[in-house]
mmCIF file of all heavy atoms, coordinates in Angstrom:
data_MODEL
# 
_entry.id   MODEL 
# 
loop_
_atom_site.group_PDB 
_atom_site.id 
_atom_site.type_symbol 
_atom_site.label_atom_id 
_atom_site.label_alt_id 
_atom_site.label_comp_id 
_atom_site.label_asym_id 
_atom_site.label_entity_id 
_atom_site.label_seq_id 
_atom_site.pdbx_PDB_ins_code 
_atom_site.Cartn_x 
_atom_site.Cartn_y 
_atom_site.Cartn_z 
_atom_site.occupancy 
_atom_site.B_iso_or_equiv 
_atom_site.pdbx_formal_charge 
_atom_site.auth_seq_id 
_atom_site.auth_comp_id 
_atom_site.auth_asym_id 
_atom_site.auth_atom_id 
_atom_site.pdbx_PDB_model_num 
ATOM 1   N N   . GLU A 1 1  ? 55.777 28.879 -192.787 1.00 0.00 ? 1  GLU A N   1 
ATOM 2   C CA  . GLU A 1 1  ? 56.487 29.344 -191.590 1.00 0.00 ? 1  GLU A CA  1 
ATOM 3   C C   . GLU A 1 1  ? 57.773 30.077 -191.972 1.00 0.00 ? 1  GLU A C   1 
ATOM 4   O O   . GLU A 1 1  ? 58.149 31.061 -191.338 1.00 0.00 ? 1  GLU A O   1 
ATOM 5   C CB  . GLU A 1 1  ? 56.761 28.175 -190.649 1.00 0.00 ? 1  GLU A CB  1 
ATOM 6   C CG  . GLU A 1 1  ? 55.495 27.666 -189.978 1.00 0.00 ? 1  GLU A CG  1 
ATOM 7   C CD  . GLU A 1 1  ? 55.672 26.380 -189.195 1.00 0.00 ? 1  GLU A CD  1 
ATOM 8   O OE1 . GLU A 1 1  ? 56.749 25.737 -189.284 1.00 0.00 ? 1  GLU A OE1 1 
ATOM 9   O OE2 . GLU A 1 1  ? 54.708 25.993 -188.496 1.00 0.00 ? 1  GLU A OE2 1 
ATOM 10  N N   . ALA A 1 2  ? 58.435 29.612 -193.032 1.00 0.00 ? 2  ALA A N   1 
ATOM 11  C CA  . ALA A 1 2  ? 59.647 30.287 -193.501 1.00 0.00 ? 2  ALA A CA  1 
ATOM 12  C C   . ALA A 1 2  ? 59.332 31.710 -193.955 1.00 0.00 ? 2  ALA A C   1 
ATOM 13  O O   . ALA A 1 2  ? 60.121 32.629 -193.719 1.00 0.00 ? 2  ALA A O   1 
ATOM 14  C CB  . ALA A 1 2  ? 60.289 29.492 -194.642 1.00 0.00 ? 2  ALA A CB  1 
ATOM 15  N N   . PHE A 1 3  ? 58.170 31.910 -194.568 1.00 0.00 ? 3  PHE A N   1 
ATOM 16  C CA  . PHE A 1 3  ? 57.784 33.261 -194.988 1.00 0.00 ? 3  PHE A CA  1 
ATOM 17  C C   . PHE A 1 3  ? 57.626 34.192 -193.803 1.00 0.00 ? 3  PHE A C   1 
ATOM 18  O O   . PHE A 1 3  ? 58.146 35.302 -193.813 1.00 0.00 ? 3  PHE A O   1 
ATOM 19  C CB  . PHE A 1 3  ? 56.486 33.231 -195.802 1.00 0.00 ? 3  PHE A CB  1 
ATOM 20  C CG  . PHE A 1 3  ? 56.727 33.354 -197.270 1.00 0.00 ? 3  PHE A CG  1 
ATOM 21  C CD1 . PHE A 1 3  ? 56.697 32.236 -198.075 1.00 0.00 ? 3  PHE A CD1 1 
ATOM 22  C CD2 . PHE A 1 3  ? 56.988 34.577 -197.849 1.00 0.00 ? 3  PHE A CD2 1 
ATOM 23  C CE1 . PHE A 1 3  ? 56.925 32.331 -199.431 1.00 0.00 ? 3  PHE A CE1 1 
ATOM 24  C CE2 . PHE A 1 3  ? 57.225 34.697 -199.203 1.00 0.00 ? 3  PHE A CE2 1 
ATOM 25  C CZ  . PHE A 1 3  ? 57.194 33.567 -200.000 1.00 0.00 ? 3  PHE A CZ  1 
ATOM 26  N N   . VAL A 1 4  ? 56.916 33.763 -192.772 1.00 0.00 ? 4  VAL A N   1 
ATOM 27  C CA  . VAL A 1 4  ? 56.692 34.671 -191.644 1.00 0.00 ? 4  VAL A CA  1 
ATOM 28  C C   . VAL A 1 4  ? 57.959 34.883 -190.821 1.00 0.00 ? 4  VAL A C   1 
ATOM 29  O O   . VAL A 1 4  ? 58.084 35.891 -190.135 1.00 0.00 ? 4  VAL A O   1 
ATOM 30  C CB  . VAL A 1 4  ? 55.515 34.228 -190.733 1.00 0.00 ? 4  VAL A CB  1 
ATOM 31  C CG1 . VAL A 1 4  ? 54.211 34.244 -191.501 1.00 0.00 ? 4  VAL A CG1 1 
ATOM 32  C CG2 . VAL A 1 4  ? 55.760 32.900 -190.085 1.00 0.00 ? 4  VAL A CG2 1 
ATOM 33  N N   . LYS A 1 5  ? 58.904 33.955 -190.907 1.00 0.00 ? 5  LYS A N   1 
ATOM 34  C CA  . LYS A 1 5  ? 60.175 34.101 -190.182 1.00 0.00 ? 5  LYS A CA  1 
ATOM 35  C C   . LYS A 1 5  ? 61.231 34.813 -191.022 1.00 0.00 ? 5  LYS A C   1 
ATOM 36  O O   . LYS A 1 5  ? 62.326 35.106 -190.539 1.00 0.00 ? 5  LYS A O   1 
ATOM 37  C CB  . LYS A 1 5  ? 60.698 32.728 -189.761 1.00 0.00 ? 5  LYS A CB  1 
ATOM 38  C CG  . LYS A 1 5  ? 59.834 32.054 -188.718 1.00 0.00 ? 5  LYS A CG  1 
ATOM 39  C CD  . LYS A 1 5  ? 60.346 30.662 -188.398 1.00 0.00 ? 5  LYS A CD  1 
ATOM 40  C CE  . LYS A 1 5  ? 59.430 29.972 -187.406 1.00 0.00 ? 5  LYS A CE  1 
ATOM 41  N NZ  . LYS A 1 5  ? 59.803 28.559 -187.225 1.00 0.00 ? 5  LYS A NZ  1 
ATOM 42  N N   . GLY A 1 6  ? 60.922 35.076 -192.289 1.00 0.00 ? 6  GLY A N   1 
ATOM 43  C CA  . GLY A 1 6  ? 61.892 35.731 -193.166 1.00 0.00 ? 6  GLY A CA  1 
ATOM 44  C C   . GLY A 1 6  ? 63.058 34.844 -193.555 1.00 0.00 ? 6  GLY A C   1 
ATOM 45  O O   . GLY A 1 6  ? 64.153 35.322 -193.833 1.00 0.00 ? 6  GLY A O   1 
ATOM 46  N N   . ASN A 1 7  ? 62.824 33.529 -193.608 1.00 0.00 ? 7  ASN A N   1 
ATOM 47  C CA  . ASN A 1 7  ? 63.867 32.564 -193.927 1.00 0.00 ? 7  ASN A CA  1 
ATOM 48  C C   . ASN A 1 7  ? 63.963 32.386 -195.451 1.00 0.00 ? 7  ASN A C   1 
ATOM 49  O O   . ASN A 1 7  ? 63.437 31.428 -196.008 1.00 0.00 ? 7  ASN A O   1 
ATOM 50  C CB  . ASN A 1 7  ? 63.581 31.236 -193.224 1.00 0.00 ? 7  ASN A CB  1 
ATOM 51  C CG  . ASN A 1 7  ? 64.689 30.224 -193.412 1.00 0.00 ? 7  ASN A CG  1 
ATOM 52  O OD1 . ASN A 1 7  ? 65.568 30.373 -194.253 1.00 0.00 ? 7  ASN A OD1 1 
ATOM 53  N ND2 . ASN A 1 7  ? 64.641 29.167 -192.615 1.00 0.00 ? 7  ASN A ND2 1 
ATOM 54  N N   . SER A 1 8  ? 64.650 33.323 -196.104 1.00 0.00 ? 8  SER A N   1 
ATOM 55  C CA  . SER A 1 8  ? 64.768 33.302 -197.568 1.00 0.00 ? 8  SER A CA  1 
ATOM 56  C C   . SER A 1 8  ? 65.433 32.027 -198.076 1.00 0.00 ? 8  SER A C   1 
ATOM 57  O O   . SER A 1 8  ? 65.052 31.504 -199.127 1.00 0.00 ? 8  SER A O   1 
ATOM 58  C CB  . SER A 1 8  ? 65.554 34.512 -198.052 1.00 0.00 ? 8  SER A CB  1 
ATOM 59  O OG  . SER A 1 8  ? 64.869 35.694 -197.749 1.00 0.00 ? 8  SER A OG  1 
ATOM 60  N N   . GLU A 1 9  ? 66.412 31.535 -197.355 1.00 0.00 ? 9  GLU A N   1 
ATOM 61  C CA  . GLU A 1 9  ? 67.123 30.323 -197.785 1.00 0.00 ? 9  GLU A CA  1 
ATOM 62  C C   . GLU A 1 9  ? 66.158 29.146 -197.913 1.00 0.00 ? 9  GLU A C   1 
ATOM 63  O O   . GLU A 1 9  ? 66.166 28.427 -198.916 1.00 0.00 ? 9  GLU A O   1 
ATOM 64  C CB  . GLU A 1 9  ? 68.240 29.998 -196.795 1.00 0.00 ? 9  GLU A CB  1 
ATOM 65  C CG  . GLU A 1 9  ? 69.092 28.824 -197.212 1.00 0.00 ? 9  GLU A CG  1 
ATOM 66  C CD  . GLU A 1 9  ? 70.252 28.572 -196.240 1.00 0.00 ? 9  GLU A CD  1 
ATOM 67  O OE1 . GLU A 1 9  ? 70.767 29.540 -195.648 1.00 0.00 ? 9  GLU A OE1 1 
ATOM 68  O OE2 . GLU A 1 9  ? 70.622 27.394 -196.093 1.00 0.00 ? 9  GLU A OE2 1 
ATOM 69  N N   . LYS A 1 10 ? 65.311 28.947 -196.917 1.00 0.00 ? 10 LYS A N   1 
ATOM 70  C CA  . LYS A 1 10 ? 64.330 27.861 -196.935 1.00 0.00 ? 10 LYS A CA  1 
ATOM 71  C C   . LYS A 1 10 ? 63.338 28.052 -198.079 1.00 0.00 ? 10 LYS A C   1 
ATOM 72  O O   . LYS A 1 10 ? 62.985 27.095 -198.772 1.00 0.00 ? 10 LYS A O   1 
ATOM 73  C CB  . LYS A 1 10 ? 63.596 27.790 -195.589 1.00 0.00 ? 10 LYS A CB  1 
ATOM 74  C CG  . LYS A 1 10 ? 62.468 26.788 -195.532 1.00 0.00 ? 10 LYS A CG  1 
ATOM 75  C CD  . LYS A 1 10 ? 62.984 25.379 -195.562 1.00 0.00 ? 10 LYS A CD  1 
ATOM 76  C CE  . LYS A 1 10 ? 61.844 24.394 -195.344 1.00 0.00 ? 10 LYS A CE  1 
ATOM 77  N NZ  . LYS A 1 10 ? 62.267 23.024 -195.595 1.00 0.00 ? 10 LYS A NZ  1 
ATOM 78  N N   . ILE A 1 11 ? 62.896 29.280 -198.273 1.00 0.00 ? 11 ILE A N   1 
ATOM 79  C CA  . ILE A 1 11 ? 61.939 29.571 -199.345 1.00 0.00 ? 11 ILE A CA  1 
ATOM 80  C C   . ILE A 1 11 ? 62.556 29.226 -200.696 1.00 0.00 ? 11 ILE A C   1 
ATOM 81  O O   . ILE A 1 11 ? 61.952 28.520 -201.507 1.00 0.00 ? 11 ILE A O   1 
ATOM 82  C CB  . ILE A 1 11 ? 61.502 31.046 -199.296 1.00 0.00 ? 11 ILE A CB  1 
ATOM 83  C CG1 . ILE A 1 11 ? 60.705 31.314 -198.012 1.00 0.00 ? 11 ILE A CG1 1 
ATOM 84  C CG2 . ILE A 1 11 ? 60.698 31.418 -200.540 1.00 0.00 ? 11 ILE A CG2 1 
ATOM 85  C CD1 . ILE A 1 11 ? 60.524 32.784 -197.690 1.00 0.00 ? 11 ILE A CD1 1 
ATOM 86  N N   . LEU A 1 12 ? 63.764 29.719 -200.946 1.00 0.00 ? 12 LEU A N   1 
ATOM 87  C CA  . LEU A 1 12 ? 64.403 29.530 -202.246 1.00 0.00 ? 12 LEU A CA  1 
ATOM 88  C C   . LEU A 1 12 ? 64.751 28.077 -202.532 1.00 0.00 ? 12 LEU A C   1 
ATOM 89  O O   . LEU A 1 12 ? 64.687 27.638 -203.688 1.00 0.00 ? 12 LEU A O   1 
ATOM 90  C CB  . LEU A 1 12 ? 65.638 30.423 -202.357 1.00 0.00 ? 12 LEU A CB  1 
ATOM 91  C CG  . LEU A 1 12 ? 65.346 31.923 -202.349 1.00 0.00 ? 12 LEU A CG  1 
ATOM 92  C CD1 . LEU A 1 12 ? 66.640 32.724 -202.260 1.00 0.00 ? 12 LEU A CD1 1 
ATOM 93  C CD2 . LEU A 1 12 ? 64.515 32.342 -203.555 1.00 0.00 ? 12 LEU A CD2 1 
ATOM 94  N N   . GLU A 1 13 ? 65.075 27.312 -201.500 1.00 0.00 ? 13 GLU A N   1 
ATOM 95  C CA  . GLU A 1 13 ? 65.382 25.893 -201.729 1.00 0.00 ? 13 GLU A CA  1 
ATOM 96  C C   . GLU A 1 13 ? 64.118 25.062 -201.940 1.00 0.00 ? 13 GLU A C   1 
ATOM 97  O O   . GLU A 1 13 ? 64.195 23.909 -202.348 1.00 0.00 ? 13 GLU A O   1 
ATOM 98  C CB  . GLU A 1 13 ? 66.228 25.311 -200.590 1.00 0.00 ? 13 GLU A CB  1 
ATOM 99  C CG  . GLU A 1 13 ? 65.495 25.107 -199.293 1.00 0.00 ? 13 GLU A CG  1 
ATOM 100 C CD  . GLU A 1 13 ? 66.381 24.647 -198.145 1.00 0.00 ? 13 GLU A CD  1 
ATOM 101 O OE1 . GLU A 1 13 ? 67.601 24.827 -198.207 1.00 0.00 ? 13 GLU A OE1 1 
ATOM 102 O OE2 . GLU A 1 13 ? 65.824 24.099 -197.176 1.00 0.00 ? 13 GLU A OE2 1 
ATOM 103 N N   . SER A 1 14 ? 62.954 25.664 -201.707 1.00 0.00 ? 14 SER A N   1 
ATOM 104 C CA  . SER A 1 14 ? 61.682 24.956 -201.827 1.00 0.00 ? 14 SER A CA  1 
ATOM 105 C C   . SER A 1 14 ? 60.988 25.181 -203.161 1.00 0.00 ? 14 SER A C   1 
ATOM 106 O O   . SER A 1 14 ? 59.924 24.614 -203.405 1.00 0.00 ? 14 SER A O   1 
ATOM 107 C CB  . SER A 1 14 ? 60.732 25.391 -200.700 1.00 0.00 ? 14 SER A CB  1 
ATOM 108 O OG  . SER A 1 14 ? 61.290 25.118 -199.439 1.00 0.00 ? 14 SER A OG  1 
ATOM 109 N N   . VAL A 1 15 ? 61.563 26.023 -204.025 1.00 0.00 ? 15 VAL A N   1 
ATOM 110 C CA  . VAL A 1 15 ? 60.922 26.359 -205.298 1.00 0.00 ? 15 VAL A CA  1 
ATOM 111 C C   . VAL A 1 15 ? 61.817 25.979 -206.474 1.00 0.00 ? 15 VAL A C   1 
ATOM 112 O O   . VAL A 1 15 ? 63.028 25.836 -206.326 1.00 0.00 ? 15 VAL A O   1 
ATOM 113 C CB  . VAL A 1 15 ? 60.566 27.867 -205.368 1.00 0.00 ? 15 VAL A CB  1 
ATOM 114 C CG1 . VAL A 1 15 ? 59.644 28.263 -204.232 1.00 0.00 ? 15 VAL A CG1 1 
ATOM 115 C CG2 . VAL A 1 15 ? 61.810 28.743 -205.384 1.00 0.00 ? 15 VAL A CG2 1 
ATOM 116 N N   . THR A 1 16 ? 61.193 25.851 -207.641 1.00 0.00 ? 16 THR A N   1 
ATOM 117 C CA  . THR A 1 16 ? 61.944 25.566 -208.859 1.00 0.00 ? 16 THR A CA  1 
ATOM 118 C C   . THR A 1 16 ? 62.570 26.862 -209.391 1.00 0.00 ? 16 THR A C   1 
ATOM 119 O O   . THR A 1 16 ? 62.145 27.956 -209.014 1.00 0.00 ? 16 THR A O   1 
ATOM 120 C CB  . THR A 1 16 ? 61.029 24.965 -209.953 1.00 0.00 ? 16 THR A CB  1 
ATOM 121 O OG1 . THR A 1 16 ? 60.003 25.909 -210.264 1.00 0.00 ? 16 THR A OG1 1 
ATOM 122 C CG2 . THR A 1 16 ? 60.415 23.647 -209.490 1.00 0.00 ? 16 THR A CG2 1 
ATOM 123 N N   . ASP A 1 17 ? 63.544 26.717 -210.273 1.00 0.00 ? 17 ASP A N   1 
ATOM 124 C CA  . ASP A 1 17 ? 64.208 27.895 -210.854 1.00 0.00 ? 17 ASP A CA  1 
ATOM 125 C C   . ASP A 1 17 ? 63.239 28.747 -211.676 1.00 0.00 ? 17 ASP A C   1 
ATOM 126 O O   . ASP A 1 17 ? 63.412 29.957 -211.791 1.00 0.00 ? 17 ASP A O   1 
ATOM 127 C CB  . ASP A 1 17 ? 65.383 27.466 -211.745 1.00 0.00 ? 17 ASP A CB  1 
ATOM 128 C CG  . ASP A 1 17 ? 66.557 26.921 -210.936 1.00 0.00 ? 17 ASP A CG  1 
ATOM 129 O OD1 . ASP A 1 17 ? 66.592 27.127 -209.707 1.00 0.00 ? 17 ASP A OD1 1 
ATOM 130 O OD2 . ASP A 1 17 ? 67.439 26.280 -211.539 1.00 0.00 ? 17 ASP A OD2 1 
ATOM 131 N N   . ASP A 1 18 ? 62.203 28.097 -212.238 1.00 0.00 ? 18 ASP A N   1 
ATOM 132 C CA  . ASP A 1 18 ? 61.244 28.816 -213.082 1.00 0.00 ? 18 ASP A CA  1 
ATOM 133 C C   . ASP A 1 18 ? 59.931 29.108 -212.347 1.00 0.00 ? 18 ASP A C   1 
ATOM 134 O O   . ASP A 1 18 ? 58.872 29.222 -212.971 1.00 0.00 ? 18 ASP A O   1 
ATOM 135 C CB  . ASP A 1 18 ? 60.989 28.053 -214.378 1.00 0.00 ? 18 ASP A CB  1 
ATOM 136 C CG  . ASP A 1 18 ? 60.405 26.663 -214.143 1.00 0.00 ? 18 ASP A CG  1 
ATOM 137 O OD1 . ASP A 1 18 ? 60.416 26.177 -212.984 1.00 0.00 ? 18 ASP A OD1 1 
ATOM 138 O OD2 . ASP A 1 18 ? 59.931 26.046 -215.120 1.00 0.00 ? 18 ASP A OD2 1 
ATOM 139 N N   . ILE A 1 19 ? 60.012 29.283 -211.037 1.00 0.00 ? 19 ILE A N   1 
ATOM 140 C CA  . ILE A 1 19 ? 58.844 29.568 -210.206 1.00 0.00 ? 19 ILE A CA  1 
ATOM 141 C C   . ILE A 1 19 ? 58.014 30.723 -210.778 1.00 0.00 ? 19 ILE A C   1 
ATOM 142 O O   . ILE A 1 19 ? 58.581 31.698 -211.283 1.00 0.00 ? 19 ILE A O   1 
ATOM 143 C CB  . ILE A 1 19 ? 59.272 29.901 -208.749 1.00 0.00 ? 19 ILE A CB  1 
ATOM 144 C CG1 . ILE A 1 19 ? 58.067 30.235 -207.856 1.00 0.00 ? 19 ILE A CG1 1 
ATOM 145 C CG2 . ILE A 1 19 ? 60.266 31.051 -208.719 1.00 0.00 ? 19 ILE A CG2 1 
ATOM 146 C CD1 . ILE A 1 19 ? 57.211 29.088 -207.480 1.00 0.00 ? 19 ILE A CD1 1 
ATOM 147 N N   . ILE A 1 20 ? 56.707 30.578 -210.700 1.00 0.00 ? 20 ILE A N   1 
ATOM 148 C CA  . ILE A 1 20 ? 55.792 31.675 -211.025 1.00 0.00 ? 20 ILE A CA  1 
ATOM 149 C C   . ILE A 1 20 ? 54.918 31.893 -209.797 1.00 0.00 ? 20 ILE A C   1 
ATOM 150 O O   . ILE A 1 20 ? 54.264 30.964 -209.327 1.00 0.00 ? 20 ILE A O   1 
ATOM 151 C CB  . ILE A 1 20 ? 54.913 31.357 -212.252 1.00 0.00 ? 20 ILE A CB  1 
ATOM 152 C CG1 . ILE A 1 20 ? 55.787 31.179 -213.487 1.00 0.00 ? 20 ILE A CG1 1 
ATOM 153 C CG2 . ILE A 1 20 ? 53.866 32.461 -212.459 1.00 0.00 ? 20 ILE A CG2 1 
ATOM 154 C CD1 . ILE A 1 20 ? 55.032 30.713 -214.711 1.00 0.00 ? 20 ILE A CD1 1 
ATOM 155 N N   . TRP A 1 21 ? 54.929 33.123 -209.267 1.00 0.00 ? 21 TRP A N   1 
ATOM 156 C CA  . TRP A 1 21 ? 54.120 33.467 -208.100 1.00 0.00 ? 21 TRP A CA  1 
ATOM 157 C C   . TRP A 1 21 ? 53.199 34.617 -208.494 1.00 0.00 ? 21 TRP A C   1 
ATOM 158 O O   . TRP A 1 21 ? 53.635 35.744 -208.688 1.00 0.00 ? 21 TRP A O   1 
ATOM 159 C CB  . TRP A 1 21 ? 55.003 33.857 -206.919 1.00 0.00 ? 21 TRP A CB  1 
ATOM 160 C CG  . TRP A 1 21 ? 54.266 34.213 -205.668 1.00 0.00 ? 21 TRP A CG  1 
ATOM 161 C CD1 . TRP A 1 21 ? 52.951 33.950 -205.375 1.00 0.00 ? 21 TRP A CD1 1 
ATOM 162 C CD2 . TRP A 1 21 ? 54.793 34.882 -204.527 1.00 0.00 ? 21 TRP A CD2 1 
ATOM 163 N NE1 . TRP A 1 21 ? 52.635 34.417 -204.132 1.00 0.00 ? 21 TRP A NE1 1 
ATOM 164 C CE2 . TRP A 1 21 ? 53.748 35.000 -203.579 1.00 0.00 ? 21 TRP A CE2 1 
ATOM 165 C CE3 . TRP A 1 21 ? 56.037 35.397 -204.218 1.00 0.00 ? 21 TRP A CE3 1 
ATOM 166 C CZ2 . TRP A 1 21 ? 53.930 35.612 -202.356 1.00 0.00 ? 21 TRP A CZ2 1 
ATOM 167 C CZ3 . TRP A 1 21 ? 56.212 36.009 -202.994 1.00 0.00 ? 21 TRP A CZ3 1 
ATOM 168 C CH2 . TRP A 1 21 ? 55.175 36.106 -202.068 1.00 0.00 ? 21 TRP A CH2 1 
ATOM 169 N N   . ARG A 1 22 ? 51.930 34.292 -208.649 1.00 0.00 ? 22 ARG A N   1 
ATOM 170 C CA  . ARG A 1 22 ? 50.935 35.294 -209.040 1.00 0.00 ? 22 ARG A CA  1 
ATOM 171 C C   . ARG A 1 22 ? 50.191 35.755 -207.801 1.00 0.00 ? 22 ARG A C   1 
ATOM 172 O O   . ARG A 1 22 ? 49.514 34.965 -207.146 1.00 0.00 ? 22 ARG A O   1 
ATOM 173 C CB  . ARG A 1 22 ? 49.957 34.717 -210.062 1.00 0.00 ? 22 ARG A CB  1 
ATOM 174 C CG  . ARG A 1 22 ? 48.959 35.751 -210.556 1.00 0.00 ? 22 ARG A CG  1 
ATOM 175 C CD  . ARG A 1 22 ? 48.231 35.304 -211.800 1.00 0.00 ? 22 ARG A CD  1 
ATOM 176 N NE  . ARG A 1 22 ? 47.623 34.001 -211.698 1.00 0.00 ? 22 ARG A NE  1 
ATOM 177 C CZ  . ARG A 1 22 ? 46.301 33.807 -211.598 1.00 0.00 ? 22 ARG A CZ  1 
ATOM 178 N NH1 . ARG A 1 22 ? 45.467 34.811 -211.561 1.00 0.00 ? 22 ARG A NH1 1 
ATOM 179 N NH2 . ARG A 1 22 ? 45.833 32.572 -211.538 1.00 0.00 ? 22 ARG A NH2 1 
ATOM 180 N N   . MET A 1 23 ? 50.335 37.023 -207.472 1.00 0.00 ? 23 MET A N   1 
ATOM 181 C CA  . MET A 1 23 ? 49.636 37.629 -206.344 1.00 0.00 ? 23 MET A CA  1 
ATOM 182 C C   . MET A 1 23 ? 48.449 38.377 -206.938 1.00 0.00 ? 23 MET A C   1 
ATOM 183 O O   . MET A 1 23 ? 48.610 39.453 -207.515 1.00 0.00 ? 23 MET A O   1 
ATOM 184 C CB  . MET A 1 23 ? 50.569 38.545 -205.564 1.00 0.00 ? 23 MET A CB  1 
ATOM 185 C CG  . MET A 1 23 ? 51.687 37.758 -204.878 1.00 0.00 ? 23 MET A CG  1 
ATOM 186 S SD  . MET A 1 23 ? 53.022 38.798 -204.290 1.00 0.00 ? 23 MET A SD  1 
ATOM 187 C CE  . MET A 1 23 ? 54.033 38.880 -205.771 1.00 0.00 ? 23 MET A CE  1 
ATOM 188 N N   . VAL A 1 24 ? 47.273 37.779 -206.828 1.00 0.00 ? 24 VAL A N   1 
ATOM 189 C CA  . VAL A 1 24 ? 46.076 38.284 -207.485 1.00 0.00 ? 24 VAL A CA  1 
ATOM 190 C C   . VAL A 1 24 ? 45.824 39.730 -207.074 1.00 0.00 ? 24 VAL A C   1 
ATOM 191 O O   . VAL A 1 24 ? 45.820 40.060 -205.887 1.00 0.00 ? 24 VAL A O   1 
ATOM 192 C CB  . VAL A 1 24 ? 44.866 37.381 -207.164 1.00 0.00 ? 24 VAL A CB  1 
ATOM 193 C CG1 . VAL A 1 24 ? 43.585 37.969 -207.744 1.00 0.00 ? 24 VAL A CG1 1 
ATOM 194 C CG2 . VAL A 1 24 ? 45.112 35.968 -207.671 1.00 0.00 ? 24 VAL A CG2 1 
ATOM 195 N N   . GLY A 1 25 ? 45.652 40.597 -208.075 1.00 0.00 ? 25 GLY A N   1 
ATOM 196 C CA  . GLY A 1 25 ? 45.435 42.012 -207.827 1.00 0.00 ? 25 GLY A CA  1 
ATOM 197 C C   . GLY A 1 25 ? 46.713 42.785 -207.592 1.00 0.00 ? 25 GLY A C   1 
ATOM 198 O O   . GLY A 1 25 ? 46.683 43.982 -207.319 1.00 0.00 ? 25 GLY A O   1 
ATOM 199 N N   . ASN A 1 26 ? 47.850 42.112 -207.712 1.00 0.00 ? 26 ASN A N   1 
ATOM 200 C CA  . ASN A 1 26 ? 49.134 42.755 -207.451 1.00 0.00 ? 26 ASN A CA  1 
ATOM 201 C C   . ASN A 1 26 ? 50.121 42.313 -208.529 1.00 0.00 ? 26 ASN A C   1 
ATOM 202 O O   . ASN A 1 26 ? 49.814 42.379 -209.700 1.00 0.00 ? 26 ASN A O   1 
ATOM 203 C CB  . ASN A 1 26 ? 49.617 42.395 -206.031 1.00 0.00 ? 26 ASN A CB  1 
ATOM 204 C CG  . ASN A 1 26 ? 50.558 43.409 -205.442 1.00 0.00 ? 26 ASN A CG  1 
ATOM 205 O OD1 . ASN A 1 26 ? 51.124 44.215 -206.143 1.00 0.00 ? 26 ASN A OD1 1 
ATOM 206 N ND2 . ASN A 1 26 ? 50.737 43.342 -204.135 1.00 0.00 ? 26 ASN A ND2 1 
# 
């Protein structure tokens, strides 16, 4: 829900400092 609302603060507080986000094909 934070993603669709553009709530960067919530997103960033929910991940580790060494986050890896693989967007397949991108």
